[in-house]
């Protein structure tokens, strides 16, 4: 999303209140983003909170090796 928005790592890190190094680690999948932080990032950037929280949750499952496949968007709207 950062590249689509044409924002540098430094600019985005500053907006999010994190270091450029931390953002780089997130982008390279070396650091995970908590659900709370994902929601905060979405709000700061003006995106839907649901998008960011769902992506963070899916990352948590994948990182934990839990092979559960479901559509969180359908669950959220139920």
Protein backbone atom coordinates (compact mmCIF):
# COMPACT_ATOMS: atom_id res chain seq x y z
CA UNK A 1 0.00 0.00 0.00
CA UNK A 2 2.90 2.31 0.75
CA UNK A 3 4.21 2.03 -2.78
CA UNK A 4 0.76 2.54 -4.29
CA UNK A 5 0.38 5.67 -2.18
CA UNK A 6 3.85 6.80 -3.33
CA UNK A 7 5.12 7.32 0.23
CA UNK A 8 8.72 6.72 1.27
CA UNK A 9 9.53 4.41 4.16
CA UNK A 10 10.73 7.40 6.17
CA UNK A 11 7.51 9.35 5.61
CA UNK A 12 5.30 6.39 6.48
CA UNK A 13 7.32 5.45 9.54
CA UNK A 14 7.00 9.02 10.81
CA UNK A 15 3.21 8.99 10.28
CA UNK A 16 2.94 5.69 12.13
CA UNK A 17 5.21 6.74 14.97
CA UNK A 18 7.74 3.96 14.40
CA UNK A 19 11.32 3.85 13.16
CA UNK A 20 12.18 3.34 9.52
CA UNK A 21 14.00 0.16 10.54
CA UNK A 22 10.90 -1.19 12.27
CA UNK A 23 8.78 -0.45 9.20
CA UNK A 24 11.36 -2.16 7.00
CA UNK A 25 11.20 -5.26 9.21
CA UNK A 26 7.39 -5.29 8.95
CA UNK A 27 7.52 -4.96 5.17
CA UNK A 28 10.04 -7.82 4.95
CA UNK A 29 7.87 -10.07 7.18
CA UNK A 30 10.51 -10.12 9.94
CA UNK A 31 8.20 -8.37 12.44
CA UNK A 32 4.53 -9.00 12.99
CA UNK A 33 1.93 -6.31 13.60
CA UNK A 34 -0.48 -6.80 16.50
CA UNK A 35 -4.19 -6.47 15.88
CA UNK A 36 -4.31 -3.29 17.97
CA UNK A 37 -1.41 -1.75 16.08
CA UNK A 38 -2.94 -2.79 12.75
CA UNK A 39 -6.12 -0.90 13.67
CA UNK A 40 -4.08 2.16 14.67
CA UNK A 41 -2.10 2.07 11.41
CA UNK A 42 -5.33 1.89 9.39
CA UNK A 43 -6.79 4.89 11.21
CA UNK A 44 -3.61 6.95 10.79
CA UNK A 45 -3.46 6.16 7.08
CA UNK A 46 -7.17 6.60 6.40
CA UNK A 47 -7.87 2.99 5.42
CA UNK A 48 -10.61 0.67 6.64
CA UNK A 49 -9.67 -0.78 10.02
CA UNK A 50 -11.22 -4.12 9.00
CA UNK A 51 -8.71 -4.53 6.14
CA UNK A 52 -5.67 -4.08 8.35
CA UNK A 53 -6.95 -6.13 11.29
CA UNK A 54 -7.98 -9.02 9.03
CA UNK A 55 -4.57 -8.99 7.34
CA UNK A 56 -2.80 -9.00 10.73
CA UNK A 57 -4.98 -11.87 11.96
CA UNK A 58 -4.27 -13.90 8.82
CA UNK A 59 -0.54 -13.24 9.30
CA UNK A 60 -0.77 -14.45 12.92
CA UNK A 61 -2.42 -17.69 11.82
CA UNK A 62 0.12 -18.25 9.04
CA UNK A 63 3.06 -17.54 11.35
CA UNK A 64 1.68 -19.94 13.97
CA UNK A 65 1.40 -22.66 11.33
CA UNK A 66 -2.35 -22.90 11.80
CA UNK A 67 -3.90 -24.02 8.55
CA UNK A 68 -7.38 -22.63 9.03
CA UNK A 69 -8.90 -21.14 5.92
CA UNK A 70 -12.01 -19.02 6.18
CA UNK A 71 -13.25 -15.69 4.97
CA UNK A 72 -13.03 -13.27 7.89
CA UNK A 73 -15.08 -10.76 5.95
CA UNK A 74 -18.05 -13.16 5.96
CA UNK A 75 -17.54 -13.92 9.65
CA UNK A 76 -17.38 -10.22 10.49
CA UNK A 77 -20.62 -9.47 8.69
CA UNK A 78 -22.51 -12.42 10.24
